[in-house]
């Protein structure tokens, strides 16, 4: 009876250790996925900042931004001195 109890305990410990190994492997997979998603979000944020960047002109110049067209980038020079330009790109895609 004592040996059977020891065998059951050893079996329970082995099952639990195997389960811990499986959970640890899943944890590593999910951590890698989280890092990849975080990096992708950071890259998209940077791309959005670049697509929406507008250079300031002089106080008298005006910037006109044309309507967005999917996957099209258009640069429109300002009418006035200072040479400022506006760049616009669709949120989905772009050049």
Protein backbone atom coordinates (compact mmCIF):
# COMPACT_ATOMS: atom_id res chain seq x y z
CA UNK A 1 0.00 0.00 0.00
CA UNK A 2 2.84 2.35 0.84
CA UNK A 3 4.61 1.66 -2.45
CA UNK A 4 1.35 2.22 -4.36
CA UNK A 5 0.97 5.62 -2.66
CA UNK A 6 4.54 6.54 -3.55
CA UNK A 7 3.98 5.44 -7.16
CA UNK A 8 0.80 7.51 -7.41
CA UNK A 9 2.60 10.52 -5.97
CA UNK A 10 5.47 10.11 -8.44
CA UNK A 11 3.00 9.79 -11.31
CA UNK A 12 1.15 12.92 -10.17
CA UNK A 13 4.42 14.83 -9.92
CA UNK A 14 5.46 13.68 -13.40
CA UNK A 15 2.08 14.76 -14.89
CA UNK A 16 2.30 18.13 -13.21
CA UNK A 17 5.88 18.68 -14.39
CA UNK A 18 4.85 17.81 -17.95
CA UNK A 19 1.93 20.23 -17.69
CA UNK A 20 4.27 22.96 -16.38
CA UNK A 21 6.59 22.37 -19.36
CA UNK A 22 3.64 22.71 -21.77
CA UNK A 23 2.50 25.92 -20.09
CA UNK A 24 6.04 27.32 -20.16
CA UNK A 25 6.31 26.58 -23.89
CA UNK A 26 2.95 28.29 -24.54
CA UNK A 27 4.07 31.25 -22.43
CA UNK A 28 7.18 31.68 -24.59
CA UNK A 29 5.09 31.47 -27.77
CA UNK A 30 2.65 34.12 -26.52
CA UNK A 31 5.46 36.37 -25.33
CA UNK A 32 7.02 36.23 -28.80
CA UNK A 33 3.63 36.96 -30.39
CA UNK A 34 3.14 39.92 -28.04
CA UNK A 35 6.59 41.30 -28.91
CA UNK A 36 5.91 40.91 -32.65
CA UNK A 37 2.52 42.63 -32.33
CA UNK A 38 4.03 45.44 -30.24
CA UNK A 39 6.76 46.01 -32.85
CA UNK A 40 4.17 46.00 -35.63
CA UNK A 41 2.05 48.59 -33.80
CA UNK A 42 5.09 50.79 -33.24
CA UNK A 43 5.97 50.54 -36.94
CA UNK A 44 2.42 51.47 -37.96
CA UNK A 45 2.45 54.45 -35.61
CA UNK A 46 5.66 55.65 -37.22
CA UNK A 47 4.23 55.18 -40.71
CA UNK A 48 1.10 57.12 -39.78
CA UNK A 49 3.24 59.97 -38.46
CA UNK A 50 5.20 60.04 -41.72
CA UNK A 51 2.06 59.95 -43.86
CA UNK A 52 0.41 62.73 -41.87
CA UNK A 53 3.44 65.00 -41.59
CA UNK A 54 2.88 68.61 -42.62
CA UNK A 55 5.69 71.11 -42.76
CA UNK A 56 4.78 74.50 -41.39
CA UNK A 57 4.94 77.40 -43.80
CA UNK A 58 5.10 81.04 -43.03
CA UNK A 59 2.28 82.66 -41.11
CA UNK A 60 0.86 84.05 -44.35
CA UNK A 61 1.07 80.86 -46.43
CA UNK A 62 -1.77 78.38 -46.65
CA UNK A 63 -1.59 74.63 -47.15
CA UNK A 64 -4.23 72.79 -49.12
CA UNK A 65 -4.52 69.05 -48.73
CA UNK A 66 -6.29 67.24 -51.58
CA UNK A 67 -8.93 64.59 -50.85
CA UNK A 68 -7.48 61.19 -50.00
CA UNK A 69 -7.28 58.60 -52.74
CA UNK A 70 -6.54 55.00 -51.82
CA UNK A 71 -2.84 54.14 -52.20
CA UNK A 72 -1.96 57.56 -53.61
CA UNK A 73 0.53 60.07 -52.26
CA UNK A 74 0.21 63.63 -53.48
CA UNK A 75 2.40 66.61 -52.65
CA UNK A 76 0.84 70.04 -53.04
CA UNK A 77 3.05 73.16 -52.88
CA UNK A 78 1.75 76.04 -50.83
CA UNK A 79 0.70 79.24 -52.49
CA UNK A 80 2.96 81.76 -50.88
CA UNK A 81 6.54 82.23 -49.91
CA UNK A 82 8.33 79.84 -47.65
CA UNK A 83 8.16 76.74 -49.87
CA UNK A 84 6.16 74.63 -47.42
CA UNK A 85 4.51 71.49 -48.75
CA UNK A 86 1.81 69.18 -47.54
CA UNK A 87 1.96 65.44 -48.03
CA UNK A 88 -1.16 63.34 -47.78
CA UNK A 89 -1.60 59.58 -48.05
CA UNK A 90 -4.50 57.24 -47.52
CA UNK A 91 -4.46 55.49 -44.17
CA UNK A 92 -4.57 52.13 -45.93
CA UNK A 93 -1.41 51.70 -47.95
CA UNK A 94 0.38 54.53 -49.64
CA UNK A 95 3.70 54.88 -51.37
